[in-house]
Amino acid sequence: MIIIVVSVALVAAVAGGAAAGRWYAPQKQRQRNGRPEAVGRILLPFTGTAISKRAFDAAVRLARVENATLMPCYLATVPLNLPLDAALPAQCLRAMPLLETIEQRAIDQEVAIDGRIIRGRTYRDALRRILEDEHFDRVIVSATAHPTGGFGGDDLVWLLDRADAEVLILRPAPEDHREVAASVAGHF
């Protein structure tokens, strides 16, 4: 009986908001001025030594406009024959220059940044681990047609089902060949 009353009240509230031409977010998601609360953290996971320029530019623009922290996250895979906490020097050597480049470009645009390297048995496992351990308001990923180059269709569907955040999937433009890459010349 209680469930029916709650259901009727919910339907009436939704119908009333829709009839008035507006939708009200729950109170915990609104500030006093009626606007949604600001986005706090944007996750930008990547798997290789370069990421899509389109995805990177979108993440930086959104983080800057929303005053959010951009969290680029390299997803490292650990082979099954090694313990999950094993040292991965080769992957770290590949990831660190790109994380540094992302950090420098984000700081140049006055965006707060908090880079990470996360381990997992697969890219999806690493992504699952960070999504379970931390809270994100938005996840921005770049789709790819190459299964070894990042997130494929199955991974993206999985992410849409599992992420407790807004998910923005960007398909790179035909001329975007994962152009944001580390430039190590001049660093040493």
N, C-alpha and C. Protein backbone atom coordinates (compact mmCIF):
# COMPACT_ATOMS: atom_id res chain seq x y z
N MET A 1 0.81 -1.19 0.00
CA MET A 1 0.00 0.00 0.00
C MET A 1 0.86 1.26 0.00
N ILE A 2 1.93 1.24 0.79
CA ILE A 2 2.82 2.39 0.87
C ILE A 2 3.51 2.61 -0.47
N ILE A 3 3.91 1.54 -1.14
CA ILE A 3 4.58 1.64 -2.42
C ILE A 3 3.67 2.29 -3.45
N ILE A 4 2.40 1.95 -3.43
CA ILE A 4 1.45 2.53 -4.38
C ILE A 4 1.30 4.02 -4.13
N VAL A 5 1.22 4.45 -2.90
CA VAL A 5 1.07 5.86 -2.57
C VAL A 5 2.31 6.64 -3.02
N VAL A 6 3.50 6.10 -2.76
CA VAL A 6 4.74 6.75 -3.17
C VAL A 6 4.80 6.83 -4.69
N SER A 7 4.41 5.75 -5.37
CA SER A 7 4.43 5.74 -6.83
C SER A 7 3.49 6.78 -7.40
N VAL A 8 2.29 6.89 -6.86
CA VAL A 8 1.31 7.88 -7.33
C VAL A 8 1.84 9.29 -7.09
N ALA A 9 2.45 9.53 -5.94
CA ALA A 9 3.00 10.86 -5.64
C ALA A 9 4.14 11.19 -6.60
N LEU A 10 4.98 10.22 -6.90
CA LEU A 10 6.09 10.44 -7.82
C LEU A 10 5.59 10.74 -9.22
N VAL A 11 4.62 9.97 -9.69
CA VAL A 11 4.05 10.20 -11.02
C VAL A 11 3.41 11.58 -11.08
N ALA A 12 2.71 11.99 -10.05
CA ALA A 12 2.08 13.30 -10.02
C ALA A 12 3.13 14.41 -10.05
N ALA A 13 4.19 14.24 -9.33
CA ALA A 13 5.26 15.25 -9.31
C ALA A 13 5.92 15.38 -10.67
N VAL A 14 6.20 14.23 -11.32
CA VAL A 14 6.81 14.26 -12.64
C VAL A 14 5.86 14.88 -13.65
N ALA A 15 4.60 14.49 -13.61
CA ALA A 15 3.62 15.04 -14.54
C ALA A 15 3.44 16.53 -14.32
N GLY A 16 3.43 16.96 -13.08
CA GLY A 16 3.28 18.39 -12.79
C GLY A 16 4.47 19.18 -13.29
N GLY A 17 5.69 18.67 -13.11
CA GLY A 17 6.88 19.35 -13.61
C GLY A 17 6.91 19.38 -15.12
N ALA A 18 6.50 18.27 -15.75
CA ALA A 18 6.50 18.22 -17.20
C ALA A 18 5.42 19.13 -17.77
N ALA A 19 4.27 19.19 -17.10
CA ALA A 19 3.19 20.04 -17.58
C ALA A 19 3.57 21.51 -17.49
N ALA A 20 4.34 21.86 -16.49
CA ALA A 20 4.75 23.25 -16.33
C ALA A 20 5.92 23.58 -17.26
N GLY A 21 6.43 22.58 -17.98
CA GLY A 21 7.51 22.82 -18.92
C GLY A 21 8.89 22.86 -18.27
N ARG A 22 9.02 22.34 -17.08
CA ARG A 22 10.32 22.33 -16.43
C ARG A 22 10.45 21.06 -15.57
N TRP A 23 11.67 20.73 -15.28
CA TRP A 23 11.95 19.56 -14.46
C TRP A 23 12.83 20.01 -13.32
N TYR A 24 12.49 19.63 -12.13
CA TYR A 24 13.27 20.01 -10.96
C TYR A 24 14.12 18.85 -10.50
N ALA A 25 15.39 19.11 -10.31
CA ALA A 25 16.31 18.10 -9.79
C ALA A 25 16.05 17.92 -8.31
N PRO A 26 16.39 16.78 -7.75
CA PRO A 26 16.26 16.61 -6.31
C PRO A 26 17.04 17.70 -5.58
N GLN A 27 16.62 18.02 -4.38
CA GLN A 27 17.21 19.12 -3.62
C GLN A 27 18.72 18.97 -3.44
N LYS A 28 19.21 17.77 -3.24
CA LYS A 28 20.64 17.61 -3.02
C LYS A 28 21.46 17.92 -4.27
N GLN A 29 20.84 17.96 -5.43
CA GLN A 29 21.56 18.26 -6.65
C GLN A 29 21.42 19.72 -7.06
N ARG A 30 20.72 20.53 -6.28
CA ARG A 30 20.54 21.93 -6.63
C ARG A 30 21.20 22.82 -5.61
N GLN A 31 21.67 23.97 -6.08
CA GLN A 31 22.16 24.98 -5.17
C GLN A 31 21.00 25.93 -4.89
N ARG A 32 21.23 26.93 -4.08
CA ARG A 32 20.16 27.86 -3.73
C ARG A 32 19.64 28.63 -4.93
N ASN A 33 20.49 28.90 -5.91
CA ASN A 33 20.05 29.65 -7.08
C ASN A 33 19.34 28.79 -8.12
N GLY A 34 19.15 27.49 -7.84
CA GLY A 34 18.44 26.61 -8.73
C GLY A 34 19.31 25.92 -9.76
N ARG A 35 20.57 26.30 -9.88
CA ARG A 35 21.47 25.68 -10.83
C ARG A 35 22.03 24.38 -10.25
N PRO A 36 22.39 23.42 -11.13
CA PRO A 36 23.01 22.20 -10.63
C PRO A 36 24.35 22.51 -9.98
N GLU A 37 24.73 21.68 -9.03
CA GLU A 37 26.02 21.86 -8.38
C GLU A 37 27.13 21.70 -9.42
N ALA A 38 28.23 22.35 -9.16
CA ALA A 38 29.36 22.31 -10.09
C ALA A 38 29.94 20.90 -10.17
N VAL A 39 30.48 20.61 -11.32
CA VAL A 39 31.16 19.34 -11.52
C VAL A 39 32.48 19.42 -10.76
N GLY A 40 32.79 18.41 -9.98
CA GLY A 40 34.00 18.42 -9.19
C GLY A 40 35.18 17.76 -9.88
N ARG A 41 34.96 16.56 -10.46
CA ARG A 41 36.07 15.81 -11.05
C ARG A 41 35.65 15.17 -12.36
N ILE A 42 36.55 15.31 -13.34
CA ILE A 42 36.32 14.74 -14.66
C ILE A 42 37.43 13.72 -14.92
N LEU A 43 37.03 12.47 -15.14
CA LEU A 43 37.98 11.39 -15.42
C LEU A 43 38.23 11.32 -16.92
N LEU A 44 39.50 11.28 -17.31
CA LEU A 44 39.92 11.14 -18.70
C LEU A 44 40.84 9.92 -18.80
N PRO A 45 40.27 8.72 -18.93
CA PRO A 45 41.11 7.52 -19.00
C PRO A 45 41.73 7.36 -20.38
N PHE A 46 42.96 6.83 -20.42
CA PHE A 46 43.61 6.54 -21.69
C PHE A 46 44.50 5.31 -21.52
N THR A 47 44.89 4.72 -22.66
CA THR A 47 45.59 3.45 -22.59
C THR A 47 46.92 3.41 -23.31
N GLY A 48 47.21 4.36 -24.14
CA GLY A 48 48.44 4.31 -24.92
C GLY A 48 49.36 5.47 -24.63
N THR A 49 50.19 5.79 -25.61
CA THR A 49 51.14 6.88 -25.46
C THR A 49 50.64 8.16 -26.10
N ALA A 50 49.40 8.15 -26.59
CA ALA A 50 48.78 9.35 -27.16
C ALA A 50 47.27 9.21 -26.96
N ILE A 51 46.60 10.36 -26.89
CA ILE A 51 45.14 10.34 -26.78
C ILE A 51 44.55 11.24 -27.84
N SER A 52 43.27 11.09 -28.04
CA SER A 52 42.56 11.88 -29.03
C SER A 52 42.59 13.36 -28.66
N LYS A 53 42.95 14.18 -29.62
CA LYS A 53 42.96 15.62 -29.40
C LYS A 53 41.56 16.12 -29.09
N ARG A 54 40.57 15.56 -29.78
CA ARG A 54 39.18 15.98 -29.56
C ARG A 54 38.73 15.68 -28.13
N ALA A 55 39.06 14.50 -27.62
CA ALA A 55 38.67 14.14 -26.25
C ALA A 55 39.42 15.01 -25.24
N PHE A 56 40.71 15.22 -25.47
CA PHE A 56 41.50 16.05 -24.56
C PHE A 56 40.98 17.49 -24.54
N ASP A 57 40.76 18.06 -25.71
CA ASP A 57 40.26 19.44 -25.79
C ASP A 57 38.90 19.59 -25.11
N ALA A 58 38.02 18.62 -25.32
CA ALA A 58 36.70 18.66 -24.67
C ALA A 58 36.83 18.59 -23.16
N ALA A 59 37.70 17.70 -22.68
CA ALA A 59 37.88 17.56 -21.23
C ALA A 59 38.43 18.84 -20.61
N VAL A 60 39.40 19.45 -21.26
CA VAL A 60 40.00 20.68 -20.72
C VAL A 60 38.98 21.82 -20.76
N ARG A 61 38.24 21.95 -21.86
CA ARG A 61 37.23 23.02 -21.95
C ARG A 61 36.17 22.87 -20.87
N LEU A 62 35.67 21.65 -20.70
CA LEU A 62 34.65 21.43 -19.68
C LEU A 62 35.19 21.67 -18.28
N ALA A 63 36.39 21.20 -18.01
CA ALA A 63 36.99 21.39 -16.68
C ALA A 63 37.19 22.88 -16.40
N ARG A 64 37.62 23.63 -17.40
CA ARG A 64 37.85 25.05 -17.20
C ARG A 64 36.53 25.78 -16.95
N VAL A 65 35.53 25.51 -17.77
CA VAL A 65 34.23 26.18 -17.64
C VAL A 65 33.54 25.82 -16.33
N GLU A 66 33.66 24.57 -15.92
CA GLU A 66 32.97 24.09 -14.72
C GLU A 66 33.83 24.18 -13.47
N ASN A 67 35.04 24.70 -13.61
CA ASN A 67 35.96 24.82 -12.48
C ASN A 67 36.17 23.45 -11.81
N ALA A 68 36.34 22.43 -12.64
CA ALA A 68 36.49 21.05 -12.16
C ALA A 68 37.95 20.64 -12.22
N THR A 69 38.28 19.57 -11.52
CA THR A 69 39.61 18.98 -11.58
C THR A 69 39.61 17.91 -12.66
N LEU A 70 40.55 18.02 -13.57
CA LEU A 70 40.72 17.02 -14.62
C LEU A 70 41.62 15.92 -14.10
N MET A 71 41.16 14.67 -14.24
CA MET A 71 41.93 13.53 -13.74
C MET A 71 42.29 12.60 -14.90
N PRO A 72 43.42 12.90 -15.60
CA PRO A 72 43.85 11.95 -16.62
C PRO A 72 44.34 10.68 -15.93
N CYS A 73 43.98 9.55 -16.49
CA CYS A 73 44.27 8.28 -15.82
C CYS A 73 44.78 7.27 -16.84
N TYR A 74 46.04 6.90 -16.71
CA TYR A 74 46.61 5.86 -17.56
C TYR A 74 46.19 4.51 -16.99
N LEU A 75 45.62 3.67 -17.84
CA LEU A 75 45.18 2.34 -17.41
C LEU A 75 46.26 1.33 -17.78
N ALA A 76 46.96 0.83 -16.78
CA ALA A 76 48.05 -0.13 -16.97
C ALA A 76 47.53 -1.54 -16.81
N THR A 77 47.95 -2.43 -17.69
CA THR A 77 47.54 -3.83 -17.59
C THR A 77 48.66 -4.65 -16.97
N VAL A 78 48.27 -5.52 -16.05
CA VAL A 78 49.22 -6.39 -15.35
C VAL A 78 48.95 -7.82 -15.82
N PRO A 79 49.97 -8.49 -16.37
CA PRO A 79 49.78 -9.87 -16.83
C PRO A 79 49.36 -10.78 -15.68
N LEU A 80 48.65 -11.83 -16.02
CA LEU A 80 48.16 -12.77 -15.00
C LEU A 80 49.28 -13.48 -14.26
N ASN A 81 50.45 -13.60 -14.86
CA ASN A 81 51.54 -14.31 -14.19
C ASN A 81 52.25 -13.43 -13.15
N LEU A 82 51.85 -12.18 -13.01
CA LEU A 82 52.43 -11.27 -12.03
C LEU A 82 51.38 -10.88 -11.00
N PRO A 83 51.81 -10.59 -9.78
CA PRO A 83 50.84 -10.06 -8.80
C PRO A 83 50.35 -8.68 -9.25
N LEU A 84 49.16 -8.32 -8.86
CA LEU A 84 48.55 -7.06 -9.30
C LEU A 84 49.37 -5.83 -8.87
N ASP A 85 50.13 -5.96 -7.79
CA ASP A 85 50.92 -4.82 -7.33
C ASP A 85 52.37 -4.87 -7.82
N ALA A 86 52.65 -5.69 -8.83
CA ALA A 86 54.00 -5.80 -9.37
C ALA A 86 54.43 -4.48 -10.02
N ALA A 87 55.72 -4.22 -9.99
CA ALA A 87 56.26 -3.02 -10.63
C ALA A 87 56.08 -3.13 -12.15
N LEU A 88 55.71 -2.02 -12.76
CA LEU A 88 55.49 -1.97 -14.21
C LEU A 88 56.33 -0.84 -14.82
N PRO A 89 57.65 -0.96 -14.76
CA PRO A 89 58.49 0.16 -15.20
C PRO A 89 58.31 0.53 -16.66
N ALA A 90 58.14 -0.43 -17.55
CA ALA A 90 57.99 -0.12 -18.98
C ALA A 90 56.71 0.67 -19.24
N GLN A 91 55.60 0.28 -18.60
CA GLN A 91 54.35 1.01 -18.79
C GLN A 91 54.42 2.40 -18.17
N CYS A 92 55.07 2.50 -17.03
CA CYS A 92 55.20 3.82 -16.39
C CYS A 92 56.06 4.75 -17.25
N LEU A 93 57.11 4.20 -17.86
CA LEU A 93 57.94 5.02 -18.75
C LEU A 93 57.16 5.52 -19.96
N ARG A 94 56.19 4.73 -20.42
CA ARG A 94 55.34 5.16 -21.53
C ARG A 94 54.31 6.18 -21.07
N ALA A 95 53.77 5.99 -19.88
CA ALA A 95 52.67 6.83 -19.40
C ALA A 95 53.12 8.19 -18.89
N MET A 96 54.22 8.25 -18.20
CA MET A 96 54.63 9.48 -17.53
C MET A 96 54.84 10.67 -18.47
N PRO A 97 55.49 10.51 -19.62
CA PRO A 97 55.64 11.68 -20.50
C PRO A 97 54.29 12.23 -20.98
N LEU A 98 53.33 11.35 -21.27
CA LEU A 98 52.02 11.83 -21.70
C LEU A 98 51.27 12.48 -20.54
N LEU A 99 51.35 11.90 -19.35
CA LEU A 99 50.72 12.53 -18.19
C LEU A 99 51.32 13.92 -17.95
N GLU A 100 52.62 14.05 -18.13
CA GLU A 100 53.29 15.34 -17.97
C GLU A 100 52.81 16.34 -19.01
N THR A 101 52.71 15.90 -20.26
CA THR A 101 52.23 16.78 -21.33
C THR A 101 50.80 17.24 -21.06
N ILE A 102 49.95 16.31 -20.65
CA ILE A 102 48.57 16.66 -20.33
C ILE A 102 48.55 17.68 -19.20
N GLU A 103 49.36 17.44 -18.18
CA GLU A 103 49.41 18.35 -17.04
C GLU A 103 49.84 19.75 -17.47
N GLN A 104 50.89 19.85 -18.27
CA GLN A 104 51.38 21.15 -18.72
C GLN A 104 50.33 21.89 -19.54
N ARG A 105 49.68 21.19 -20.46
CA ARG A 105 48.66 21.84 -21.30
C ARG A 105 47.45 22.25 -20.48
N ALA A 106 47.07 21.46 -19.50
CA ALA A 106 45.93 21.82 -18.65
C ALA A 106 46.26 23.01 -17.77
N ILE A 107 47.45 23.02 -17.19
CA ILE A 107 47.86 24.13 -16.33
C ILE A 107 47.94 25.42 -17.13
N ASP A 108 48.40 25.33 -18.39
CA ASP A 108 48.45 26.51 -19.25
C ASP A 108 47.06 27.12 -19.44
N GLN A 109 46.02 26.29 -19.33
CA GLN A 109 44.65 26.78 -19.48
C GLN A 109 43.95 26.94 -18.13
N GLU A 110 44.75 26.96 -17.07
CA GLU A 110 44.27 27.19 -15.71
C GLU A 110 43.26 26.15 -15.24
N VAL A 111 43.56 24.89 -15.52
CA VAL A 111 42.71 23.78 -15.11
C VAL A 111 43.46 22.97 -14.05
N ALA A 112 42.79 22.70 -12.94
CA ALA A 112 43.37 21.85 -11.89
C ALA A 112 43.49 20.43 -12.43
N ILE A 113 44.55 19.75 -12.03
CA ILE A 113 44.81 18.43 -12.59
C ILE A 113 45.30 17.47 -11.51
N ASP A 114 44.93 16.20 -11.64
CA ASP A 114 45.32 15.17 -10.69
C ASP A 114 45.50 13.86 -11.47
N GLY A 115 46.69 13.65 -12.04
CA GLY A 115 46.96 12.48 -12.87
C GLY A 115 47.14 11.21 -12.06
N ARG A 116 46.82 10.09 -12.70
CA ARG A 116 46.91 8.79 -12.03
C ARG A 116 47.40 7.71 -13.00
N ILE A 117 47.96 6.67 -12.43
CA ILE A 117 48.20 5.41 -13.15
C ILE A 117 47.48 4.35 -12.35
N ILE A 118 46.57 3.63 -12.99
CA ILE A 118 45.75 2.62 -12.31
C ILE A 118 46.02 1.26 -12.96
N ARG A 119 46.15 0.24 -12.12
CA ARG A 119 46.44 -1.12 -12.58
C ARG A 119 45.18 -1.96 -12.67
N GLY A 120 45.25 -2.92 -13.57
CA GLY A 120 44.19 -3.91 -13.70
C GLY A 120 44.66 -5.02 -14.61
N ARG A 121 43.92 -6.10 -14.64
CA ARG A 121 44.27 -7.22 -15.52
C ARG A 121 43.98 -6.88 -16.98
N THR A 122 42.99 -6.04 -17.18
CA THR A 122 42.63 -5.54 -18.51
C THR A 122 42.35 -4.05 -18.37
N TYR A 123 42.17 -3.36 -19.49
CA TYR A 123 41.81 -1.94 -19.42
C TYR A 123 40.49 -1.77 -18.67
N ARG A 124 39.55 -2.65 -18.97
CA ARG A 124 38.24 -2.56 -18.31
C ARG A 124 38.36 -2.79 -16.81
N ASP A 125 39.20 -3.75 -16.41
CA ASP A 125 39.40 -4.02 -14.99
C ASP A 125 40.02 -2.81 -14.29
N ALA A 126 41.00 -2.18 -14.92
CA ALA A 126 41.61 -0.98 -14.33
C ALA A 126 40.58 0.14 -14.22
N LEU A 127 39.78 0.32 -15.24
CA LEU A 127 38.73 1.34 -15.21
C LEU A 127 37.71 1.04 -14.12
N ARG A 128 37.34 -0.23 -13.99
CA ARG A 128 36.41 -0.63 -12.94
C ARG A 128 36.97 -0.29 -11.56
N ARG A 129 38.24 -0.54 -11.37
CA ARG A 129 38.87 -0.27 -10.08
C ARG A 129 38.82 1.21 -9.71
N ILE A 130 39.14 2.08 -10.64
CA ILE A 130 39.13 3.51 -10.30
C ILE A 130 37.70 4.02 -10.11
N LEU A 131 36.77 3.49 -10.88
CA LEU A 131 35.37 3.92 -10.72
C LEU A 131 34.81 3.46 -9.38
N GLU A 132 35.27 2.31 -8.87
CA GLU A 132 34.82 1.83 -7.57
C GLU A 132 35.48 2.57 -6.41
N ASP A 133 36.74 2.96 -6.60
CA ASP A 133 37.51 3.58 -5.52
C ASP A 133 37.26 5.07 -5.36
N GLU A 134 36.88 5.75 -6.42
CA GLU A 134 36.75 7.20 -6.36
C GLU A 134 35.46 7.65 -7.02
N HIS A 135 35.06 8.88 -6.68
CA HIS A 135 33.84 9.45 -7.25
C HIS A 135 34.21 10.42 -8.37
N PHE A 136 33.51 10.32 -9.49
CA PHE A 136 33.69 11.24 -10.61
C PHE A 136 32.32 11.75 -11.03
N ASP A 137 32.29 12.99 -11.44
CA ASP A 137 31.04 13.57 -11.92
C ASP A 137 30.86 13.33 -13.41
N ARG A 138 31.97 13.18 -14.10
CA ARG A 138 31.92 12.98 -15.55
C ARG A 138 33.11 12.12 -15.97
N VAL A 139 32.88 11.28 -16.97
CA VAL A 139 33.94 10.46 -17.56
C VAL A 139 33.94 10.77 -19.05
N ILE A 140 35.12 11.13 -19.58
CA ILE A 140 35.24 11.44 -21.00
C ILE A 140 36.20 10.43 -21.61
N VAL A 141 35.71 9.68 -22.60
CA VAL A 141 36.53 8.67 -23.26
C VAL A 141 36.49 8.87 -24.76
N SER A 142 37.54 8.40 -25.39
CA SER A 142 37.64 8.44 -26.84
C SER A 142 37.42 7.04 -27.37
N ALA A 143 36.46 6.90 -28.27
CA ALA A 143 36.19 5.60 -28.88
C ALA A 143 37.23 5.32 -29.95
N THR A 144 37.45 4.06 -30.25
CA THR A 144 38.39 3.68 -31.30
C THR A 144 37.89 2.43 -32.00
N ALA A 145 38.26 2.30 -33.24
CA ALA A 145 37.90 1.10 -33.99
C ALA A 145 38.96 0.02 -33.83
N HIS A 146 40.10 0.38 -33.24
CA HIS A 146 41.20 -0.57 -33.06
C HIS A 146 41.20 -1.10 -31.63
N PRO A 147 40.93 -2.38 -31.42
CA PRO A 147 40.83 -2.92 -30.07
C PRO A 147 42.11 -2.79 -29.25
N THR A 148 43.27 -2.73 -29.90
CA THR A 148 44.51 -2.59 -29.15
C THR A 148 44.82 -1.13 -28.84
N GLY A 149 44.07 -0.21 -29.41
CA GLY A 149 44.37 1.21 -29.25
C GLY A 149 43.54 1.90 -28.18
N GLY A 150 42.75 1.18 -27.45
CA GLY A 150 41.96 1.84 -26.42
C GLY A 150 40.65 1.13 -26.16
N PHE A 151 39.59 1.90 -26.07
CA PHE A 151 38.27 1.38 -25.71
C PHE A 151 37.48 1.03 -26.96
N GLY A 152 37.08 -0.22 -27.05
CA GLY A 152 36.24 -0.67 -28.15
C GLY A 152 34.77 -0.58 -27.76
N GLY A 153 33.91 -1.01 -28.64
CA GLY A 153 32.47 -0.92 -28.43
C GLY A 153 31.99 -1.63 -27.17
N ASP A 154 32.49 -2.83 -26.91
CA ASP A 154 32.08 -3.57 -25.72
C ASP A 154 32.47 -2.84 -24.44
N ASP A 155 33.67 -2.26 -24.44
CA ASP A 155 34.12 -1.51 -23.26
C ASP A 155 33.25 -0.27 -23.04
N LEU A 156 32.86 0.38 -24.11
CA LEU A 156 32.04 1.59 -23.99
C LEU A 156 30.64 1.27 -23.48
N VAL A 157 30.07 0.17 -23.97
CA VAL A 157 28.76 -0.25 -23.46
C VAL A 157 28.87 -0.61 -21.98
N TRP A 158 29.92 -1.32 -21.62
CA TRP A 158 30.15 -1.65 -20.22
C TRP A 158 30.24 -0.38 -19.38
N LEU A 159 31.00 0.62 -19.86
CA LEU A 159 31.16 1.87 -19.12
C LEU A 159 29.83 2.59 -18.94
N LEU A 160 29.02 2.62 -19.97
CA LEU A 160 27.70 3.26 -19.86
C LEU A 160 26.83 2.57 -18.83
N ASP A 161 26.94 1.24 -18.74
CA ASP A 161 26.15 0.49 -17.76
C ASP A 161 26.66 0.65 -16.34
N ARG A 162 27.96 0.78 -16.15
CA ARG A 162 28.56 0.71 -14.82
C ARG A 162 28.93 2.04 -14.19
N ALA A 163 29.22 3.05 -14.96
CA ALA A 163 29.70 4.31 -14.38
C ALA A 163 28.57 5.04 -13.68
N ASP A 164 28.85 5.48 -12.47
CA ASP A 164 27.90 6.27 -11.71
C ASP A 164 28.22 7.75 -11.94
N ALA A 165 28.33 8.12 -13.20
CA ALA A 165 28.69 9.47 -13.59
C ALA A 165 28.17 9.71 -15.00
N GLU A 166 28.18 10.96 -15.40
CA GLU A 166 27.85 11.28 -16.77
C GLU A 166 29.00 10.79 -17.64
N VAL A 167 28.69 10.12 -18.75
CA VAL A 167 29.72 9.58 -19.63
C VAL A 167 29.62 10.27 -20.98
N LEU A 168 30.74 10.82 -21.43
CA LEU A 168 30.82 11.47 -22.72
C LEU A 168 31.78 10.67 -23.57
N ILE A 169 31.26 10.08 -24.66
CA ILE A 169 32.07 9.27 -25.56
C ILE A 169 32.27 10.07 -26.84
N LEU A 170 33.52 10.29 -27.19
CA LEU A 170 33.83 11.05 -28.40
C LEU A 170 34.51 10.16 -29.42
N ARG A 171 34.02 10.23 -30.62
CA ARG A 171 34.68 9.52 -31.71
C ARG A 171 35.67 10.49 -32.33
N PRO A 172 36.93 10.09 -32.44
CA PRO A 172 37.91 10.99 -33.04
C PRO A 172 37.53 11.33 -34.47
N ALA A 173 37.84 12.55 -34.86
CA ALA A 173 37.62 12.96 -36.24
C ALA A 173 38.53 12.13 -37.15
N PRO A 174 38.17 12.00 -38.44
CA PRO A 174 39.02 11.20 -39.34
C PRO A 174 40.47 11.66 -39.37
N GLU A 175 40.69 12.95 -39.21
CA GLU A 175 42.06 13.46 -39.24
C GLU A 175 42.74 13.42 -37.87
N ASP A 176 42.01 13.00 -36.83
CA ASP A 176 42.57 12.92 -35.47
C ASP A 176 43.21 11.56 -35.28
N HIS A 177 44.50 11.53 -35.34
CA HIS A 177 45.24 10.27 -35.19
C HIS A 177 45.90 10.22 -33.83
N ARG A 178 45.09 10.50 -32.79
CA ARG A 178 45.59 10.52 -31.41
C ARG A 178 46.80 11.44 -31.33
N GLU A 179 46.53 12.72 -31.55
CA GLU A 179 47.58 13.71 -31.73
C GLU A 179 48.18 14.25 -30.45
N VAL A 180 47.51 14.12 -29.32
CA VAL A 180 48.10 14.62 -28.09
C VAL A 180 49.05 13.55 -27.60
N ALA A 181 50.32 13.83 -27.80
CA ALA A 181 51.35 12.88 -27.42
C ALA A 181 52.45 13.62 -26.68
N ALA A 182 53.20 12.89 -25.92
CA ALA A 182 54.30 13.49 -25.18
C ALA A 182 55.40 13.90 -26.12
N SER A 183 55.93 15.06 -25.88
CA SER A 183 57.11 15.47 -26.63
C SER A 183 58.25 15.54 -25.63
N VAL A 184 59.13 14.59 -25.70
CA VAL A 184 60.21 14.52 -24.73
C VAL A 184 61.43 15.30 -25.15
N ALA A 185 61.45 15.79 -26.35
CA ALA A 185 62.61 16.58 -26.80
C ALA A 185 62.71 17.84 -25.96
N GLY A 186 63.89 18.10 -25.46
CA GLY A 186 64.10 19.31 -24.68
C GLY A 186 63.85 19.14 -23.19
N HIS A 187 63.37 18.00 -22.75
CA HIS A 187 63.11 17.80 -21.33
C HIS A 187 64.37 17.49 -20.54
N PHE A 188 65.38 17.00 -21.22
CA PHE A 188 66.56 16.56 -20.50
C PHE A 188 67.73 17.43 -20.76
